[in-house]
Protein backbone atom coordinates (compact mmCIF):
# COMPACT_ATOMS: atom_id res chain seq x y z
CA MET A 1 40.05 123.26 116.95
CA ARG A 2 37.76 126.85 116.93
CA ASN A 3 41.26 128.20 118.47
CA ILE A 4 43.45 127.06 115.92
CA LEU A 5 41.28 127.74 113.60
CA TRP A 6 40.83 131.89 114.32
CA ALA A 7 44.79 131.83 114.78
CA LEU A 8 45.17 130.76 111.26
CA VAL A 9 43.18 132.86 109.70
CA GLU A 10 44.87 135.85 111.76
CA ARG A 11 48.37 134.74 110.89
CA GLY A 12 47.06 134.44 106.92
CA LEU A 13 45.40 138.08 106.76
CA GLN A 14 48.09 139.55 108.45
CA ILE A 15 50.90 138.03 106.06
CA VAL A 16 48.87 139.68 103.33
CA MET A 17 48.18 143.20 104.89
CA THR A 18 51.76 143.21 106.50
CA LEU A 19 53.35 143.03 102.87
CA ILE A 20 50.95 145.41 101.50
CA ILE A 21 51.82 147.92 104.06
CA THR A 22 55.71 146.97 104.38
CA GLY A 23 55.62 147.98 100.62
CA LEU A 24 53.91 150.83 100.56
CA ILE A 25 55.97 151.99 103.55
CA ALA A 26 59.74 150.91 101.61
CA ARG A 27 58.15 152.60 98.15
CA GLU A 28 57.41 155.93 100.38
CA PHE A 29 60.71 156.16 102.23
CA GLY A 30 63.11 154.82 99.48
CA PRO A 31 65.79 152.13 100.79
CA GLU A 32 67.89 154.26 103.26
CA LEU A 33 64.95 156.00 104.85
CA TYR A 34 63.42 152.18 105.24
CA GLY A 35 66.78 150.90 106.49
CA LYS A 36 66.48 153.37 109.39
CA TRP A 37 62.89 152.73 109.91
CA GLN A 38 64.02 148.57 109.95
CA TYR A 39 66.54 149.85 112.31
CA ALA A 40 64.18 151.44 114.97
CA LEU A 41 61.97 148.60 114.80
CA SER A 42 64.28 145.99 115.74
CA LEU A 43 65.47 148.32 118.59
CA LEU A 44 61.69 148.20 119.80
CA PHE A 45 61.58 144.19 119.50
CA ILE A 46 64.48 143.90 121.57
CA ALA A 47 63.05 146.57 124.05
CA THR A 48 59.79 144.18 123.96
CA THR A 49 61.42 141.21 124.94
CA LEU A 50 62.22 143.05 128.30
CA THR A 51 58.76 142.96 129.31
CA TYR A 52 58.05 139.35 128.57
CA LEU A 53 59.44 138.47 132.06
CA CYS A 54 55.95 137.67 133.28
CA GLY A 55 54.87 136.18 130.24
CA SER A 56 51.52 133.75 128.79
CA GLU A 57 53.89 130.33 130.09
CA VAL A 58 53.54 131.84 133.41
CA VAL A 59 50.03 133.44 133.45
CA VAL A 60 47.51 131.21 131.28
CA PRO A 61 48.15 127.72 133.29
CA ARG A 62 47.62 129.58 136.46
CA LEU A 63 44.31 130.61 134.86
CA VAL A 64 43.67 127.39 133.90
CA ALA A 65 44.30 125.65 137.18
CA ASN A 66 42.50 128.69 139.62
CA PRO A 67 40.03 130.17 137.44
CA GLU A 68 38.54 131.59 140.80
CA LYS A 69 42.01 133.49 141.53
CA ALA A 70 41.94 135.02 138.06
CA GLY A 71 41.28 139.06 139.73
CA LYS A 72 44.78 138.19 141.39
CA ILE A 73 46.45 136.54 138.96
CA LEU A 74 45.53 139.23 135.74
CA GLY A 75 46.11 142.43 138.70
CA THR A 76 49.37 141.16 139.53
CA ALA A 77 50.56 139.91 136.38
CA PHE A 78 49.48 143.50 134.44
CA ALA A 79 51.41 145.19 137.92
CA ILE A 80 54.62 143.57 136.57
CA ARG A 81 54.14 143.84 133.06
CA ILE A 82 53.84 147.78 133.92
CA LEU A 83 56.63 147.85 136.12
CA ILE A 84 58.91 146.15 133.44
CA SER A 85 57.55 148.30 130.32
CA SER A 86 58.50 151.31 132.49
CA ILE A 87 61.90 150.27 133.07
CA ALA A 88 62.41 149.15 129.44
CA TYR A 89 61.04 152.68 128.30
CA LEU A 90 63.64 153.86 129.90
CA ILE A 91 66.44 151.96 128.83
CA GLY A 92 65.36 152.17 125.33
CA TYR A 93 64.97 156.30 125.44
CA THR A 94 68.25 156.58 127.09
CA PHE A 95 70.21 154.77 124.56
CA THR A 96 68.27 156.36 121.35
CA SER A 97 69.22 159.85 123.15
CA LEU A 98 72.49 159.37 123.92
CA PHE A 99 73.93 156.58 121.37
CA LEU A 100 71.99 157.33 118.51
CA SER A 101 73.24 160.03 116.04
CA ASP A 102 70.74 160.20 112.90
CA PRO A 103 67.94 162.32 114.20
CA GLU A 104 65.74 160.32 111.73
CA VAL A 105 66.27 156.98 113.55
CA SER A 106 65.93 158.42 117.02
CA ALA A 107 62.60 160.28 116.19
CA LEU A 108 61.28 157.13 114.88
CA ALA A 109 62.46 154.95 117.61
CA GLN A 110 61.58 157.15 120.52
CA ILE A 111 57.74 157.20 119.26
CA ILE A 112 57.55 153.60 118.60
CA LEU A 113 58.89 152.58 121.94
CA LEU A 114 55.85 153.77 123.36
CA LEU A 115 54.20 150.68 122.30
CA LEU A 116 56.07 149.41 125.45
CA PHE A 117 53.03 149.83 127.39
CA LEU A 118 50.54 149.19 125.23
CA VAL A 119 51.64 145.37 124.17
CA GLU A 120 52.52 143.32 127.01
CA PRO A 121 50.66 144.98 129.30
CA PRO A 122 46.37 145.11 127.96
CA ALA A 123 47.90 141.46 126.91
CA VAL A 124 46.83 139.45 130.09
CA ILE A 125 43.38 139.84 129.10
CA VAL A 126 44.35 137.97 126.09
CA ALA A 127 46.16 135.17 128.63
CA TRP A 128 42.81 135.58 130.14
CA LEU A 129 40.46 134.46 126.90
CA GLN A 130 43.29 132.01 126.00
CA SER A 131 42.41 130.62 129.23
CA LYS A 132 38.93 130.28 128.47
CA THR A 133 39.64 128.76 125.04
CA ASN A 134 37.98 131.60 123.72
CA ILE A 135 40.72 133.89 121.41
CA ALA A 136 37.95 135.29 118.99
CA PRO A 137 37.64 138.47 120.40
CA ALA A 138 41.11 139.08 120.54
CA VAL A 139 41.80 137.94 117.02
CA LYS A 140 38.88 140.25 116.05
CA ILE A 141 40.52 143.23 117.85
CA ARG A 142 43.90 142.87 116.14
CA LEU A 143 42.48 142.61 112.77
CA ALA A 144 40.66 145.88 113.10
CA ALA A 145 43.12 147.37 114.55
CA LEU A 146 45.58 146.22 112.02
CA SER A 147 42.99 147.35 109.11
CA GLY A 148 42.60 150.75 110.86
CA LYS A 149 46.65 151.26 110.39
CA PHE A 150 46.59 149.63 107.07
CA ILE A 151 44.01 152.92 106.09
CA ALA A 152 46.39 155.56 108.11
CA ILE A 153 49.78 154.01 106.22
CA THR A 154 48.20 153.87 103.16
CA ALA A 155 47.18 157.88 103.29
CA ILE A 156 50.40 158.45 104.48
CA ALA A 157 52.12 157.76 101.48
CA TYR A 158 49.52 158.71 99.36
CA PHE A 159 49.84 162.30 100.39
CA SER A 160 53.17 162.12 101.05
CA LEU A 161 52.97 163.19 104.96
CA SER A 162 55.49 163.26 107.34
CA TYR A 163 57.65 160.19 107.78
CA LYS A 164 57.25 160.01 112.01
CA LEU A 165 53.43 159.73 111.05
CA VAL A 166 54.50 155.51 110.28
CA ALA A 167 55.41 155.42 113.63
CA VAL A 168 52.46 157.42 115.32
CA ALA A 169 50.59 154.92 113.17
CA TRP A 170 52.11 152.18 114.99
CA VAL A 171 51.66 152.68 118.13
CA GLY A 172 47.91 154.21 117.08
CA GLU A 173 47.54 150.46 115.96
CA GLY A 174 48.76 149.42 119.58
CA LEU A 175 46.35 151.87 121.87
CA LEU A 176 43.61 150.74 119.60
CA VAL A 177 44.42 147.15 120.76
CA ALA A 178 44.49 147.82 124.34
CA ILE A 179 41.62 150.25 124.36
CA LEU A 180 39.35 147.27 123.13
CA LEU A 181 40.59 144.43 124.66
CA PHE A 182 39.93 146.77 128.06
CA LEU A 183 36.14 147.15 126.81
CA VAL A 184 35.76 143.48 126.50
CA TYR A 185 37.35 142.46 129.90
CA PHE A 186 35.84 145.26 131.84
CA GLN A 187 31.90 144.11 131.89
CA PRO A 188 30.04 143.51 135.03
CA GLY A 189 31.00 140.15 136.34
CA SER A 190 34.56 140.41 135.38
CA PRO A 191 36.87 139.51 138.11
CA LYS A 192 38.48 142.52 139.67
CA TRP A 193 41.85 143.10 139.77
CA GLN A 194 44.05 142.61 142.42
CA PHE A 195 48.02 142.77 142.96
CA SER A 196 49.50 139.88 145.53
CA ARG A 197 53.37 140.85 146.28
CA ALA A 198 53.57 136.82 147.35
CA ASP A 199 52.19 135.89 143.53
CA ALA A 200 54.07 138.84 141.92
CA PHE A 201 57.80 136.80 143.41
CA THR A 202 56.54 133.43 142.00
CA PHE A 203 55.79 134.72 138.55
CA LEU A 204 59.14 136.10 138.22
CA LYS A 205 60.71 133.65 139.39
CA ASP A 206 58.93 130.91 137.40
CA GLY A 207 59.10 133.20 134.05
CA ALA A 208 62.74 134.02 134.34
CA ILE A 209 63.97 130.87 132.59
CA PHE A 210 61.47 131.11 129.66
CA TRP A 211 62.23 134.98 129.62
CA LEU A 212 65.87 134.24 128.94
CA GLY A 213 65.41 132.06 126.43
CA LEU A 214 62.74 134.45 124.38
CA LEU A 215 65.52 137.35 124.92
CA PHE A 216 68.43 135.18 123.47
CA MET A 217 65.88 134.53 120.14
CA THR A 218 65.05 137.96 119.70
CA ILE A 219 68.32 139.03 119.56
CA PHE A 220 69.31 136.49 117.41
CA LEU A 221 66.26 137.02 115.24
CA ARG A 222 67.16 140.79 114.98
CA GLN A 223 70.73 141.61 115.61
CA ASP A 224 71.42 141.48 111.56
CA ARG A 225 70.39 144.31 111.25
CA LEU A 226 72.04 145.83 113.87
CA PHE A 227 75.32 145.01 112.74
CA LEU A 228 74.45 145.98 109.33
CA ALA A 229 73.39 149.42 110.93
CA GLU A 230 76.84 150.15 112.65
CA HIS A 231 78.98 148.57 110.22
CA THR A 232 77.69 148.91 106.80
CA THR A 233 75.03 151.76 105.54
CA TYR A 234 71.34 152.60 106.23
CA THR A 235 70.36 152.04 102.48
CA GLU A 236 72.42 148.33 102.15
CA LEU A 237 70.16 147.62 105.30
CA GLY A 238 67.19 148.87 103.76
CA VAL A 239 67.73 146.46 101.09
CA TYR A 240 68.39 143.88 103.01
CA SER A 241 65.11 144.30 104.95
CA ALA A 242 63.05 143.85 101.91
CA ALA A 243 64.54 140.38 101.45
CA ILE A 244 64.71 139.44 105.29
CA GLN A 245 60.73 141.02 105.44
CA ILE A 246 59.42 138.48 102.95
CA THR A 247 61.89 135.56 103.92
CA GLU A 248 60.22 136.25 107.64
CA ASN A 249 56.58 136.26 106.55
CA TRP A 250 57.41 132.94 104.80
CA LEU A 251 59.47 131.46 108.01
CA VAL A 252 56.03 131.85 109.81
CA LEU A 253 54.63 129.50 108.19
CA GLY A 254 56.70 127.10 110.31
CA THR A 255 54.84 128.32 113.60
CA ILE A 256 51.65 128.01 111.67
CA LEU A 257 52.64 124.45 111.01
CA SER A 258 53.45 124.01 114.72
CA GLN A 259 50.38 125.42 115.92
CA SER A 260 48.21 123.39 113.85
CA PHE A 261 49.81 120.11 114.07
CA ALA A 262 51.93 119.88 117.47
CA PRO A 263 48.95 119.26 119.70
CA LYS A 264 47.31 116.58 117.78
CA TYR A 265 50.56 114.70 117.00
CA LEU A 266 53.20 115.48 120.02
CA TYR A 267 51.31 117.61 122.63
CA GLY A 268 48.34 115.48 122.98
CA GLU A 269 50.19 112.00 122.35
CA GLN A 270 51.03 110.46 125.62
CA SER A 271 52.93 107.12 124.01
CA PRO A 272 56.99 108.32 123.89
CA CYS A 273 56.95 105.73 120.91
CA ARG A 274 54.47 107.38 119.15
CA VAL A 275 55.88 110.67 119.89
CA ASN A 276 58.93 109.46 118.35
CA GLN A 277 57.34 108.22 115.31
CA ASN A 278 55.60 111.49 114.85
CA ILE A 279 58.65 113.57 115.39
CA LYS A 280 60.30 111.53 112.50
CA LYS A 281 56.86 111.64 110.16
CA LEU A 282 56.79 115.76 110.55
CA LEU A 283 60.48 116.58 110.17
CA LEU A 284 59.65 114.43 106.86
CA LEU A 285 56.57 116.67 106.32
CA TYR A 286 57.96 119.61 107.10
CA LEU A 287 61.39 119.29 104.89
CA ALA A 288 59.26 118.56 102.01
CA ILE A 289 57.17 121.74 102.67
CA ALA A 290 59.95 124.06 103.29
CA LEU A 291 62.21 122.29 100.29
CA SER A 292 59.36 122.86 97.76
CA GLY A 293 58.22 126.00 98.99
CA SER A 294 61.96 127.84 99.49
CA ALA A 295 62.82 126.55 96.01
CA LEU A 296 59.24 128.44 94.92
CA LEU A 297 60.16 131.31 96.53
CA SER A 298 63.51 131.90 95.13
CA LEU A 299 62.33 131.77 91.68
CA SER A 300 59.48 134.32 92.40
CA SER A 301 62.20 136.35 94.53
CA ASN A 302 62.27 139.16 91.30
CA PHE A 303 58.57 139.37 90.78
CA LEU A 304 58.06 139.30 94.43
CA ILE A 305 60.60 142.33 95.31
CA THR A 306 59.61 144.43 92.82
CA ALA A 307 56.04 143.85 92.77
CA ILE A 308 56.36 144.92 96.58
CA PHE A 309 59.47 146.97 97.10
CA GLY A 310 59.90 148.42 93.86
CA ASN A 311 62.59 149.18 91.50
CA SER A 312 64.80 150.76 94.28
CA TYR A 313 65.46 147.47 96.13
CA ALA A 314 66.43 145.42 92.78
CA ASP A 315 69.18 144.57 94.80
CA ALA A 316 67.40 142.19 97.43
CA VAL A 317 66.49 139.83 94.65
CA PRO A 318 69.84 137.82 94.52
CA LEU A 319 69.72 138.08 98.80
CA LEU A 320 66.00 137.15 98.67
CA GLN A 321 67.20 133.80 96.40
CA TYR A 322 69.07 132.48 99.14
CA ALA A 323 67.46 133.89 102.33
CA ALA A 324 64.11 131.85 101.12
CA PHE A 325 65.79 128.57 101.76
CA LEU A 326 66.26 129.71 105.84
CA SER A 327 63.12 127.75 106.07
CA VAL A 328 64.79 124.11 105.51
CA ALA A 329 66.31 125.12 109.17
CA THR A 330 63.83 126.80 111.20
CA PHE A 331 60.82 124.29 110.10
CA VAL A 332 63.46 121.45 111.11
CA ASP A 333 64.05 123.18 114.60
CA SER A 334 60.47 124.06 115.41
CA VAL A 335 59.44 120.11 115.46
CA TYR A 336 62.61 120.10 118.13
CA ASN A 337 61.38 123.08 119.79
CA ALA A 338 57.71 121.94 119.94
CA LEU A 339 59.26 118.57 121.92
CA MET A 340 61.29 120.61 124.33
CA LEU A 341 57.93 122.54 125.12
CA LYS A 342 56.24 119.24 125.63
CA GLU A 343 58.41 118.12 127.66
CA GLN A 344 58.88 121.65 129.72
CA ALA A 345 62.49 121.82 128.96
CA ALA A 346 63.13 125.35 129.39
CA THR A 347 66.63 125.02 129.90
CA TRP A 348 67.42 123.49 126.71
CA VAL A 349 65.39 126.36 124.87
CA VAL A 350 67.57 128.90 126.38
CA ILE A 351 70.64 126.76 125.54
CA LYS A 352 69.25 126.19 121.74
CA TRP A 353 68.82 130.26 121.62
CA ALA A 354 72.23 131.00 123.36
CA THR A 355 74.02 128.63 120.86
CA ALA A 356 71.88 130.37 117.56
CA LEU A 357 72.75 133.84 119.08
CA THR A 358 76.71 133.38 119.79
CA THR A 359 77.43 131.93 116.06
CA ALA A 360 75.46 134.24 114.32
CA SER A 361 77.35 136.90 116.63
CA ALA A 362 80.42 135.59 115.99
CA ILE A 363 79.99 135.65 112.01
CA ASN A 364 78.70 139.00 111.55
CA PHE A 365 81.64 140.38 113.96
CA PHE A 366 84.50 138.55 112.23
CA PHE A 367 83.09 138.87 108.22
CA ILE A 368 80.33 142.12 108.07
CA GLU A 369 83.02 144.15 107.03
CA HIS A 370 84.17 142.31 104.30
CA LEU A 371 81.00 140.32 103.22
CA GLY A 372 78.24 143.49 103.94
CA THR A 373 74.86 142.29 103.51
CA LYS A 374 76.02 138.74 102.69
CA ALA A 375 77.54 138.22 106.02
CA PRO A 376 73.76 138.34 108.03
CA LEU A 377 72.41 136.06 105.59
CA ILE A 378 75.39 133.35 106.67
CA ALA A 379 75.21 134.27 110.04
CA LEU A 380 71.36 133.13 110.00
CA PHE A 381 72.16 130.00 107.99
CA LEU A 382 74.91 128.86 110.44
CA GLY A 383 72.49 129.88 113.55
CA TYR A 384 69.38 127.92 112.61
CA GLY A 385 71.98 125.02 112.01
CA ALA A 386 73.26 125.18 115.41
CA ALA A 387 69.78 125.82 116.97
CA CYS A 388 68.98 122.60 114.89
CA VAL A 389 72.21 120.36 116.14
CA VAL A 390 71.26 121.28 120.17
CA GLY A 391 67.81 120.25 119.02
CA ILE A 392 68.67 116.57 117.93
CA ILE A 393 71.03 116.42 120.64
CA TYR A 394 67.95 117.23 122.74
CA TRP A 395 65.77 114.51 120.69
CA ILE A 396 68.70 111.72 121.30
CA ARG A 397 69.16 112.64 124.88
CA TRP A 398 65.25 112.53 125.24
CA LYS A 399 65.36 108.98 123.44
CA LYS A 400 68.02 107.40 125.38
CA ARG A 401 65.89 108.42 128.73
CA VAL A 402 62.51 107.72 127.70
CA LEU A 403 61.98 105.14 124.94
CA PRO A 404 64.14 102.13 126.95
CA THR A 405 62.12 102.11 129.76
CA TYR A 406 59.23 102.33 127.66
CA GLN A 407 57.18 99.29 126.96
CA GLU A 408 54.14 99.89 124.24
CA ASP A 409 51.41 98.49 125.14
CA PRO A 410 50.39 95.72 122.65
CA SER A 411 46.72 96.86 122.61
């Protein structure tokens, strides 16, 4: 419970501070340069996904089951992540050097790509803290680093310093988190890291299926900005990003709800009949929250865009009015996703995000030239809708497989 509370506190503060930082950058940059910044960030997020091949899904369970082997597990995982981060960096740097013609986008992207070495590799220490059910140190470190970035961005905006310093501030945040995590871990008595070739192959094999799902999900969530950068102007991308940034922070609530309710009502419940009943209750609860929250966000869209981004982003208001209702599908999907994770149905997670990505990409490919910034919104709606359809199919199949053979204990 303490871990969940720390996670909720971190999420809440992150949302508030991230919106303020986003507003400062957007106002300072203007729509065109802000669009370039969002494109650079999208490239980073996709490149970062390449480093998830040895994710927490692989590391944490092993640390919990074999705490005496923590040094070998952490050392092996760190080595894998450093290697993959190096490969991802080379791919990202080569792409930005050869295929990006805009010097501002290239400069921003090449600086923040350094985060590939600072996010996932040191995060093995976070996995170690999770295995000990003590994430408070990691939360405090991330919030301290975020506060430092907030101060830096405020100074950059106030003094109208070089746009490149915004990317430097992002890297600085990652570097501070990495240093503090290493200081937390490398105390007297902590297990010394070792590398195991046999474990490395096992980690890569077990992590591949989870990684594929994360890769499809990340591309699905970011392909809208890639299509807009390619087929419209950076100004339109900047305006669209203003609307989607607020929406994405609202969608984070779906993740928070899952972290809060899923452990008790799904993961910790052994009776399939009760799990099925809880799924129905959670669907109704999430739908009620999504609809009411989306309506409120839609009605407040003019105030939010003006207050956070300024009048230069007025065209984002109608986009936010519709984008707010993406939460209906995302909240519903989070229930089905929790069921898949409980049943360790990694293949279904891959199928779900592959379907969502294919659907959204097809919409953008055929309609973005004619619909402009409306096409990515339609693509996201239909993509999330496709994810929900896959979730419903899995739920139905799960019920047919589990419920008929299960006899509820009358006691």
